[in-house]
Protein backbone atom coordinates (compact mmCIF):
# COMPACT_ATOMS: atom_id res chain seq x y z
CA MET A 1 -0.04 0.00 -0.11
CA ASP A 2 2.34 3.02 -1.12
CA THR A 3 -0.72 5.63 -0.77
CA LYS A 4 -0.96 6.93 2.58
CA TYR A 5 -4.41 7.44 4.15
CA LEU A 6 -5.07 9.92 6.56
CA TYR A 7 -8.63 9.70 8.28
CA PRO A 8 -10.10 9.08 11.78
CA MET A 9 -9.66 5.81 12.92
CA CYS A 10 -11.40 3.67 15.61
CA CYS A 11 -9.30 1.49 17.91
CA ASN A 12 -10.32 -1.63 19.38
CA PRO A 13 -9.44 -1.96 23.12
CA ILE A 14 -7.18 -4.39 24.92
CA PHE A 15 -8.84 -5.50 28.22
CA LYS A 16 -6.75 -6.39 31.39
CA GLU A 17 -7.95 -8.39 34.22
CA TYR A 18 -6.77 -7.49 37.89
CA LEU A 19 -7.64 -8.28 41.09
CA TRP A 20 -9.10 -4.90 41.62
CA GLY A 21 -11.49 -4.63 38.84
CA GLY A 22 -15.13 -4.47 38.34
CA ASP A 23 -17.94 -4.64 35.88
CA ARG A 24 -18.45 -0.92 34.96
CA LEU A 25 -16.80 -1.09 31.88
CA LYS A 26 -19.05 -4.17 30.55
CA ARG A 27 -22.22 -2.47 32.18
CA LEU A 28 -21.94 1.26 31.78
CA PHE A 29 -20.02 1.16 28.56
CA HIS A 30 -21.25 -2.03 26.83
CA LYS A 31 -17.43 -3.02 26.33
CA LYS A 32 -17.09 -6.69 24.85
CA VAL A 33 -15.16 -7.69 27.77
CA PRO A 34 -14.31 -11.48 27.59
CA PHE A 35 -14.43 -12.09 31.54
CA ASP A 36 -16.33 -11.28 34.60
CA VAL A 37 -13.98 -8.74 36.19
CA CYS A 38 -12.11 -6.17 33.99
CA ALA A 39 -9.94 -3.56 35.56
CA GLU A 40 -8.45 -1.85 32.68
CA SER A 41 -9.43 -1.01 29.09
CA TRP A 42 -6.34 0.10 27.16
CA GLU A 43 -8.12 2.45 24.47
CA VAL A 44 -5.13 3.72 22.52
CA SER A 45 -1.78 1.41 22.83
CA ASP A 46 1.34 0.97 21.25
CA ARG A 47 2.68 -1.47 24.18
CA LYS A 48 4.13 -4.60 23.36
CA GLU A 49 1.96 -6.31 26.18
CA GLY A 50 -1.14 -4.78 24.31
CA GLN A 51 -1.32 -3.26 20.72
CA SER A 52 -4.54 -1.19 19.20
CA ILE A 53 -5.92 -2.55 16.44
CA ILE A 54 -7.29 -0.34 13.82
CA ASP A 55 -10.93 -1.20 13.17
CA ASN A 56 -12.16 0.85 10.33
CA GLY A 57 -11.03 2.16 6.56
CA PRO A 58 -8.11 1.12 4.79
CA TYR A 59 -5.85 0.23 7.47
CA LYS A 60 -8.44 -1.95 9.39
CA GLY A 61 -6.62 -4.82 11.13
CA LYS A 62 -3.45 -2.76 11.55
CA THR A 63 -1.76 -2.16 14.99
CA LEU A 64 -0.97 1.18 16.06
CA HIS A 65 2.70 0.42 15.54
CA GLU A 66 2.11 -0.70 12.19
CA LEU A 67 0.27 2.17 11.54
CA LEU A 68 3.30 4.36 12.81
CA GLU A 69 5.66 2.55 10.43
CA THR A 70 3.23 3.28 7.60
CA LEU A 71 2.37 6.53 8.01
CA GLY A 72 5.52 7.91 9.85
CA SER A 73 5.75 10.23 12.87
CA GLN A 74 5.06 13.44 10.85
CA ASP A 75 1.83 12.54 9.21
CA LEU A 76 0.74 10.54 12.40
CA LEU A 77 1.74 12.54 15.48
CA GLY A 78 3.20 15.88 13.85
CA HIS A 79 6.84 15.07 14.94
CA GLU A 80 9.67 13.79 12.97
CA GLY A 81 11.91 10.79 14.48
CA VAL A 82 9.53 9.52 16.61
CA HIS A 83 9.45 5.54 16.87
CA ASP A 84 6.47 4.77 19.56
CA PHE A 85 3.18 6.26 19.86
CA PRO A 86 4.22 8.15 22.91
CA LEU A 87 0.73 7.85 25.02
CA LEU A 88 -1.02 4.96 26.77
CA ILE A 89 -4.96 5.70 27.02
CA LYS A 90 -6.88 3.74 29.55
CA MET A 91 -10.23 3.24 31.57
CA LEU A 92 -9.80 2.06 34.75
CA ASP A 93 -12.46 0.45 36.99
CA ALA A 94 -11.40 0.15 40.72
CA HIS A 95 -13.91 -2.01 42.42
CA LYS A 96 -11.17 -2.25 45.01
CA LEU A 97 -8.46 -0.01 46.67
CA LEU A 98 -5.46 -0.28 44.41
CA SER A 99 -1.96 -0.54 45.63
CA VAL A 100 0.16 2.49 47.03
CA GLN A 101 2.37 3.46 43.90
CA VAL A 102 4.99 5.92 42.58
CA HIS A 103 6.49 6.17 39.07
CA PRO A 104 9.74 7.28 37.91
CA SER A 105 11.06 10.53 36.07
CA GLU A 106 13.04 10.60 32.97
CA GLU A 107 16.15 11.11 34.98
CA GLN A 108 15.38 8.08 36.52
CA SER A 109 14.10 5.51 34.03
CA SER A 110 14.03 4.77 30.23
CA GLU A 111 10.36 4.57 30.44
CA PRO A 112 9.02 7.57 32.63
CA LYS A 113 5.40 7.78 33.97
CA THR A 114 3.69 11.24 34.29
CA GLU A 115 -0.22 10.72 34.30
CA MET A 116 -3.26 12.34 34.60
CA TRP A 117 -6.90 11.07 35.89
CA TYR A 118 -10.37 12.20 34.66
CA ILE A 119 -13.14 10.93 36.95
CA LEU A 120 -15.95 9.62 34.53
CA ASP A 121 -17.85 8.12 37.52
CA ALA A 122 -17.35 7.85 41.31
CA ALA A 123 -19.34 6.04 44.09
CA LYS A 124 -20.81 8.48 46.93
CA ASP A 125 -17.67 8.15 49.11
CA ALA A 126 -15.31 7.72 46.34
CA PHE A 127 -11.68 8.96 47.22
CA VAL A 128 -7.77 9.03 45.86
CA TYR A 129 -4.43 9.39 47.56
CA VAL A 130 -2.23 11.92 45.85
CA GLY A 131 0.81 12.79 47.31
CA VAL A 132 1.84 13.29 51.03
CA LYS A 133 0.40 15.46 53.51
CA SER A 134 1.95 18.77 54.23
CA GLY A 135 4.76 18.98 56.69
CA ILE A 136 5.71 15.12 56.12
CA ASP A 137 9.36 14.48 55.42
CA MET A 138 11.06 11.17 53.85
CA PRO A 139 12.06 9.73 57.00
CA THR A 140 8.53 9.68 58.09
CA VAL A 141 7.27 8.39 54.77
CA ARG A 142 9.79 5.48 55.55
CA ARG A 143 8.85 5.03 59.08
CA ALA A 144 5.36 4.76 58.07
CA LEU A 145 5.99 2.32 55.50
CA HIS A 146 8.23 -0.07 57.85
CA ASN A 147 5.12 0.22 60.21
CA ALA A 148 2.63 -0.62 57.61
CA ASP A 149 0.98 2.79 58.46
CA ILE A 150 1.47 4.41 54.91
CA GLU A 151 -2.05 5.51 55.01
CA SER A 152 -1.42 8.07 57.81
CA VAL A 153 0.74 10.18 55.84
CA LEU A 154 -0.79 10.29 52.05
CA GLU A 155 -3.19 13.10 51.03
CA LYS A 156 -6.66 11.63 50.81
CA LEU A 157 -8.88 13.59 48.32
CA PRO A 158 -12.65 12.83 47.89
CA VAL A 159 -13.55 12.80 44.24
CA LYS A 160 -16.43 13.01 42.10
CA SER A 161 -17.58 12.96 38.19
CA GLY A 162 -15.70 15.20 36.47
CA ASP A 163 -12.34 15.82 38.45
CA VAL A 164 -9.14 16.19 37.09
CA ILE A 165 -5.86 14.98 38.61
CA TYR A 166 -2.80 15.61 37.41
CA ILE A 167 0.05 13.24 38.72
CA PRO A 168 3.84 13.84 37.59
CA ALA A 169 6.33 11.26 38.00
CA GLY A 170 7.61 10.80 41.54
CA THR A 171 4.03 11.46 42.95
CA VAL A 172 2.78 8.70 45.53
CA HIS A 173 -0.62 7.70 44.55
CA ALA A 174 -3.21 5.50 44.97
CA ILE A 175 -6.95 4.98 43.46
CA GLY A 176 -9.60 4.14 45.96
CA PRO A 177 -12.60 1.70 45.44
CA GLY A 178 -15.63 3.14 43.30
CA CYS A 179 -13.75 5.17 40.96
CA LEU A 180 -14.19 5.00 37.09
CA ILE A 181 -11.17 6.69 35.60
CA LEU A 182 -10.11 7.79 32.01
CA GLU A 183 -6.42 7.98 32.55
CA VAL A 184 -3.69 9.40 30.03
CA GLN A 185 0.01 8.63 30.62
CA GLN A 186 3.41 8.59 28.81
CA SER A 187 3.50 5.35 27.35
CA SER A 188 5.33 3.47 29.93
CA ASN A 189 5.02 0.59 32.25
CA SER A 190 7.23 1.44 34.95
CA THR A 191 5.56 0.98 38.38
CA TYR A 192 6.80 0.89 41.75
CA ARG A 193 4.49 -0.76 44.19
CA LEU A 194 5.36 0.61 47.60
CA TYR A 195 2.23 -0.83 49.74
CA ASP A 196 -0.33 -3.30 48.83
CA TRP A 197 -2.47 -3.18 51.84
CA GLU A 198 -1.26 -6.70 52.90
CA ARG A 199 -3.60 -8.45 50.61
CA LEU A 200 -2.84 -11.63 48.63
CA GLY A 201 -2.59 -12.15 44.83
CA PRO A 202 -4.50 -14.67 42.47
CA ASP A 203 -1.69 -17.04 43.48
CA GLY A 204 -2.46 -16.71 47.55
CA LYS A 205 0.84 -15.12 48.05
CA PRO A 206 1.62 -11.19 48.57
CA ARG A 207 2.35 -9.24 45.37
CA GLU A 208 5.92 -8.12 44.85
CA LEU A 209 6.64 -4.67 46.38
CA HIS A 210 9.60 -2.28 45.25
CA ILE A 211 10.42 -0.48 48.41
CA THR A 212 14.11 0.74 47.22
CA GLU A 213 13.12 1.52 43.70
CA GLY A 214 10.01 3.61 44.80
CA LEU A 215 11.36 5.53 47.45
CA ALA A 216 14.43 6.15 45.18
CA CYS A 217 12.07 8.23 42.88
CA LEU A 218 9.54 9.44 45.36
CA ASN A 219 9.19 13.17 45.52
CA ILE A 220 7.38 14.65 48.15
CA GLU A 221 7.07 17.90 46.44
CA ALA A 222 6.05 16.44 43.34
CA PRO A 223 3.56 19.31 41.56
CA TRP A 224 0.32 17.32 41.73
CA THR A 225 -2.80 19.23 41.12
CA ILE A 226 -6.79 18.61 41.36
CA THR A 227 -9.25 20.62 39.71
CA LYS A 228 -13.04 20.49 40.29
CA GLU A 229 -14.70 23.39 38.38
CA ARG A 230 -13.01 25.16 35.18
CA PRO A 231 -14.26 27.76 33.11
CA ILE A 232 -16.44 26.71 30.07
CA LYS A 233 -16.42 28.64 26.68
CA GLU A 234 -19.73 28.79 24.50
CA LYS A 235 -19.07 28.44 20.79
CA GLU A 236 -21.38 28.37 17.91
CA GLY A 237 -22.74 24.67 18.12
CA TYR A 238 -20.68 23.80 20.81
CA THR A 239 -18.94 24.34 24.53
CA VAL A 240 -15.38 23.64 25.46
CA GLU A 241 -13.92 23.37 28.63
CA LYS A 242 -9.85 22.87 29.05
CA LEU A 243 -9.29 19.96 31.53
CA LEU A 244 -5.67 19.97 31.55
CA GLN A 245 -2.56 21.60 29.82
CA ALA A 246 0.78 19.71 30.54
CA LYS A 247 3.87 18.87 28.81
CA TYR A 248 3.04 15.70 27.58
CA PHE A 249 -0.70 15.82 26.85
CA ASN A 250 -3.35 18.57 26.62
CA LEU A 251 -7.08 17.64 27.33
CA ASP A 252 -10.46 19.34 26.40
CA ARG A 253 -14.04 18.18 26.83
CA PHE A 254 -16.25 19.20 24.13
CA VAL A 255 -20.07 19.11 23.98
CA PHE A 256 -21.37 19.12 20.48
CA SER A 257 -24.95 20.02 19.59
CA GLN A 258 -24.91 20.51 15.99
CA GLU A 259 -22.34 19.55 13.21
CA THR A 260 -19.16 21.49 13.62
CA ARG A 261 -15.90 21.65 11.73
CA LEU A 262 -12.46 21.69 13.95
CA GLN A 263 -9.41 22.83 12.61
CA ALA A 264 -6.27 20.74 12.84
CA ASN A 265 -4.02 21.52 15.54
CA GLY A 266 -0.62 20.20 14.23
CA GLY A 267 -0.62 16.99 16.32
CA ALA A 268 -2.31 13.55 16.69
CA GLN A 269 -5.71 13.87 18.61
CA VAL A 270 -7.61 11.50 20.18
CA PHE A 271 -11.21 11.84 20.79
CA PHE A 272 -12.93 9.76 23.56
CA VAL A 273 -16.70 9.76 23.71
CA GLU A 274 -18.06 10.35 27.11
CA GLU A 275 -21.58 10.57 26.73
CA GLY A 276 -23.77 10.34 23.11
CA ARG A 277 -23.05 9.06 19.91
CA CYS A 278 -21.09 10.66 16.80
CA GLU A 279 -19.61 10.47 13.52
CA ILE A 280 -15.78 12.09 12.95
CA HIS A 281 -15.08 12.59 9.49
CA SER A 282 -12.02 13.68 7.50
CA GLY A 283 -10.75 13.10 4.19
CA THR A 284 -12.99 10.40 2.68
CA GLU A 285 -13.56 8.39 5.72
CA THR A 286 -15.89 8.85 8.64
CA ALA A 287 -15.49 6.83 11.90
CA ILE A 288 -18.71 6.21 13.84
CA ALA A 289 -18.09 6.14 17.61
CA LYS A 290 -20.29 5.57 20.74
CA LYS A 291 -20.33 6.12 24.38
CA GLY A 292 -16.68 4.59 25.58
CA GLN A 293 -15.08 4.44 22.10
CA SER A 294 -11.85 6.12 21.12
CA VAL A 295 -11.06 7.59 17.58
CA LEU A 296 -7.71 8.42 16.52
CA VAL A 297 -7.14 11.30 14.26
CA PRO A 298 -3.62 11.75 12.56
CA ALA A 299 -1.71 14.90 12.84
CA GLY A 300 -2.09 14.90 9.07
CA CYS A 301 -5.69 15.57 8.91
CA GLU A 302 -6.72 18.69 7.58
CA GLY A 303 -10.09 19.39 9.10
CA ILE A 304 -12.41 17.29 11.12
CA MET A 305 -16.27 17.30 11.25
CA ILE A 306 -17.93 16.38 14.13
CA THR A 307 -21.43 15.01 13.97
CA PRO A 308 -23.62 14.19 16.80
CA HIS A 309 -26.59 11.98 16.41
CA SER A 310 -28.84 9.40 17.96
CA LYS A 311 -29.86 7.09 15.67
CA ALA A 312 -31.29 9.22 12.71
CA LYS A 313 -31.63 12.23 14.26
CA LEU A 314 -29.46 15.11 15.76
CA SER A 315 -28.28 15.14 19.24
CA GLU A 316 -25.63 15.96 22.01
CA VAL A 317 -22.71 14.18 22.02
CA THR A 318 -19.80 14.91 24.59
CA LEU A 319 -16.07 14.30 23.66
CA ILE A 320 -12.81 14.42 25.49
CA ARG A 321 -9.87 15.53 23.33
CA ILE A 322 -6.65 14.30 23.78
CA CYS A 323 -3.68 16.21 22.26
CA ILE A 324 -0.12 15.29 21.88
CA PRO A 325 1.85 18.86 21.95
C-alpha cells in the first residue's frame, strides 16, 4: 500500500483482568469484555503487552505500531523521528483499593511515567490518595512504610465525576474503590509498588513490592494538582472546557449540539466519547463512535467534522479530546 491514507481511526480496546477490577466497563459502556471482572480497557496503546488494532478504513487490522511505521511520525503525530506512540490511554474501573504506587521520571528511567486522571464516575464516598500531607518528610514516609501505616502520611482526596487530577512522575498515589477513570499517561509500564494493603494476589501470595526503587524516585514536593471547576467557553454549536494543559498531553472536554468543523492543531488527537454517539469525518473516511469508544485522528488530517447523532436524528455528544503537544 504505497498511498498514505489520513482519516479518523477507531481503535479496538485491550482488556486487562486485575484483582481490583469491577464490571462497569461492561455494564456502563457495553464493552465486549471476555471475562467477568475487568480492571482496565487500554483504549489507545502501542505497548508490546497490548497493541491497539485499527477497526475501520484502509488500515483496518493494522496495529498502532504498524500504522506509525506506515504513515511516519510526521503524518501521524506531527513530529519527526518518533518511533513509538508516546501516550497510553486507558479506562480504569477500581472496584477495590489499588496499591500505593510511584512512577519514575526521565532522569530515573528510560520509561518515565507522568499521568492524569479524569473521573468519569465515582461512588458516593469515592476517594484517591495523591501526594503526602503537608509537613511530612522522607524519614516519616519511610517509618510509615516500615510500620505498615502509609495511609497516615498520604493526602486523601474525595472525588466526584468531572474532577481532573494531574500526577507528575515521583508522586505517590493510589486509586480508591468506586472510581471509574479515564487515564492518560506517557507510554510506560514503570510502576513501583510501595504498599499493597497486606492482601494476597491470585496465587495466594503477597504481590511483589518495590520499596527501594519506589522510595528512590518518590518526590514529596511533586507538583500534583486537582481541579474540580473550570471555565466553560460557549462557541457556535458547542461548548469547550479546558481540562488540563501539561508537557506531555493536553485535554479538552467538548459538548457538541450540532455539526461542527474543527481545525487541525498540528498534532495527533484522540477523541474519547464520554456521552452520546457521533460521526467523526476527515478526508474520505468517517468513523462512527459511541459512548466509551476512542477515535484516533492523525496530525496530517486537515480538518475534522464532528456530527452528533442518536440513530437518525441530531443529538448531543460529549467528547474528551486528548492532544499530543
